[in-house]
Amino acid sequence: MNDPLFFMALLPGPEIRAEVTAFKEYAARHFNTSRALTSPPHITVFPPFRWKTARYRDLVRVMELFAAREKAFWIELKHFNAFAPRVIYVDVAENADLQSLEKRLVATLKDQLNLEKEHAQPFHPHMTVAFKDLDKAVFPKAWDYFSGLNYQRMFQAGALTLLHHENGKWHIDREIKWG
């Protein structure tokens, strides 16, 4: 049996989660793309990785020590953007605090747990609405819809959330509040 799959993210409050989930549901109904509904709305700060159950407590301890040194900061969600032709997302305005947090987290996980990103992709914070199951032929219609929406919200990032994959969905495992 494979080790459990996890990722780390920042989650908005319930109101924004409900709004972004509604966008995901619209995409599922109108553009036949439902894979984004397998996770709560979030900004990934460390991508999916496998972790041994026997070392779970080590992972949580390092996350707790990391979070204890952090302070809350604001994140602005600003309209929609895309990784054409398959992914549509709520865009995150440029944010030095968020960029810095991600760099510190990646360095801490590597240093303390020898945990590294599986694929070295640049950090591009966003909240996915339509995922890679969006058909390329349907993308222009979906993009036409979402690019026409005016969506702006702000939320305070005040916790690091660990999510785990089970039965085809991502579930909140624990939320660790900042300092």
Foldseek 3Di string as FASTA:
>chain_A
DFAWKKFKWFDFDPVVQVVLVVLLVCCCVPQVFNLLVQETWTWTLADMDGDHPVCVVVVVVLQQVLQQADDKDKKKFWAWDAPPPAWIWGAIPDDPSSLVSSVVVQVSCCVRPVDHHPDPDDRGTTTTRGGRVRDSVSRVVSCVVRNPDGDMDMGMGFWMWMWIDDPSHIDTPDTHGHD
